[in-house]
Protein backbone atom coordinates (compact mmCIF):
# COMPACT_ATOMS: atom_id res chain seq x y z
CA UNK A 1 5.17 -9.44 -3.39
CA UNK A 2 1.64 -9.91 -4.64
CA UNK A 3 1.58 -13.63 -3.81
CA UNK A 4 1.08 -14.67 -0.17
CA UNK A 5 3.61 -17.51 -0.57
CA UNK A 6 6.28 -15.03 -1.66
CA UNK A 7 5.59 -12.93 1.42
CA UNK A 8 5.94 -16.00 3.63
CA UNK A 9 9.22 -16.88 1.92
CA UNK A 10 10.49 -13.34 2.51
CA UNK A 11 9.55 -13.62 6.19
CA UNK A 12 11.46 -16.91 6.52
CA UNK A 13 14.48 -15.48 4.74
CA UNK A 14 14.42 -12.53 7.16
CA UNK A 15 15.40 -15.09 9.82
CA UNK A 16 18.48 -16.11 7.84
CA UNK A 17 19.62 -18.21 4.91
CA UNK A 18 17.47 -21.14 3.81
CA UNK A 19 17.74 -23.89 1.25
CA UNK A 20 14.77 -24.78 -0.94
CA UNK A 21 14.28 -27.99 1.04
CA UNK A 22 14.17 -25.98 4.29
CA UNK A 23 11.51 -23.65 2.90
CA UNK A 24 9.53 -26.64 1.61
CA UNK A 25 9.50 -28.13 5.11
CA UNK A 26 8.55 -24.84 6.81
CA UNK A 27 5.84 -23.88 4.32
CA UNK A 28 4.45 -27.23 3.19
CA UNK A 29 4.88 -26.27 -0.47
CA UNK A 30 6.15 -28.34 -3.38
CA UNK A 31 9.75 -27.90 -4.53
CA UNK A 32 8.65 -26.51 -7.88
CA UNK A 33 6.46 -23.90 -6.17
CA UNK A 34 9.21 -22.74 -3.81
CA UNK A 35 11.76 -22.63 -6.64
CA UNK A 36 9.39 -20.65 -8.86
CA UNK A 37 8.79 -18.05 -6.15
CA UNK A 38 12.49 -17.81 -5.31
CA UNK A 39 13.29 -17.27 -9.01
CA UNK A 40 10.72 -14.45 -9.13
CA UNK A 41 12.12 -12.85 -5.98
CA UNK A 42 15.66 -13.20 -7.31
CA UNK A 43 14.70 -11.63 -10.66
CA UNK A 44 13.27 -8.66 -8.71
CA UNK A 45 16.50 -8.25 -6.77
CA UNK A 46 14.96 -9.09 -3.41
CA UNK A 47 16.72 -12.45 -2.95
CA UNK A 48 20.22 -13.69 -3.65
CA UNK A 49 21.73 -17.17 -3.51
CA UNK A 50 25.08 -18.78 -2.99
CA UNK A 51 26.10 -22.37 -3.64
CA UNK A 52 26.58 -24.77 -0.77
CA UNK A 53 27.53 -28.20 -2.03
CA UNK A 54 24.83 -29.35 -4.43
CA UNK A 55 22.27 -26.95 -2.97
CA UNK A 56 21.92 -23.18 -2.87
CA UNK A 57 21.37 -21.00 0.17
CA UNK A 58 18.95 -18.15 -0.36
CA UNK A 59 18.97 -14.87 1.55
CA UNK A 60 17.46 -11.40 1.37
CA UNK A 61 19.54 -8.87 -0.56
CA UNK A 62 18.22 -5.95 1.52
CA UNK A 63 16.91 -7.46 4.77
CA UNK A 64 16.44 -4.16 6.62
CA UNK A 65 14.42 -2.61 3.80
CA UNK A 66 12.23 -5.70 3.41
CA UNK A 67 11.51 -5.80 7.14
CA UNK A 68 10.68 -2.08 7.13
CA UNK A 69 8.27 -2.57 4.24
CA UNK A 70 6.55 -5.57 5.85
CA UNK A 71 6.28 -3.71 9.16
CA UNK A 72 4.74 -0.69 7.42
CA UNK A 73 2.27 -2.91 5.56
CA UNK A 74 1.23 -4.65 8.78
CA UNK A 75 0.80 -1.28 10.48
CA UNK A 76 -1.37 0.02 7.63
CA UNK A 77 -3.51 -3.13 7.65
CA UNK A 78 -3.89 -2.76 11.42
CA UNK A 79 -5.12 0.80 10.95
CA UNK A 80 -7.56 -0.02 8.15
CA UNK A 81 -8.90 -3.28 9.55
CA UNK A 82 -10.65 -5.39 6.94
CA UNK A 83 -11.10 -2.53 4.48
CA UNK A 84 -8.14 -3.53 2.33
CA UNK A 85 -8.97 -7.24 2.32
CA UNK A 86 -12.64 -6.64 1.60
CA UNK A 87 -12.16 -3.93 -1.03
CA UNK A 88 -14.73 -4.62 -3.79
CA UNK A 89 -12.26 -3.58 -6.48
CA UNK A 90 -9.22 -5.55 -5.37
CA UNK A 91 -10.16 -7.90 -2.52
CA UNK A 92 -11.28 -11.50 -2.65
CA UNK A 93 -14.58 -10.92 -0.85
CA UNK A 94 -17.35 -8.44 -1.48
CA UNK A 95 -19.41 -6.27 0.88
CA UNK A 96 -22.81 -4.84 0.09
CA UNK A 97 -22.10 -1.62 2.01
CA UNK A 98 -18.78 -0.91 0.24
């Protein structure tokens, strides 16, 4: 879940099953990028797939747990404001007063 694109994919899959081509259209990402992230999520046990014709439909393996985790993360970020994003040890930006 460390990659923002994987989080976006998880959010889309929380709405229901999607094919790679659907996720490409929603996210504006290349097929290889979407497939790579889905493979990672599948290896972690967060995503499953089932064949549909020549394509595969992807879905969350534990949708309730994923939604609970994302909700908790959003709540924590809301409580901490920019502190997590701007953390000098782990964030992408730096602050002089941190």
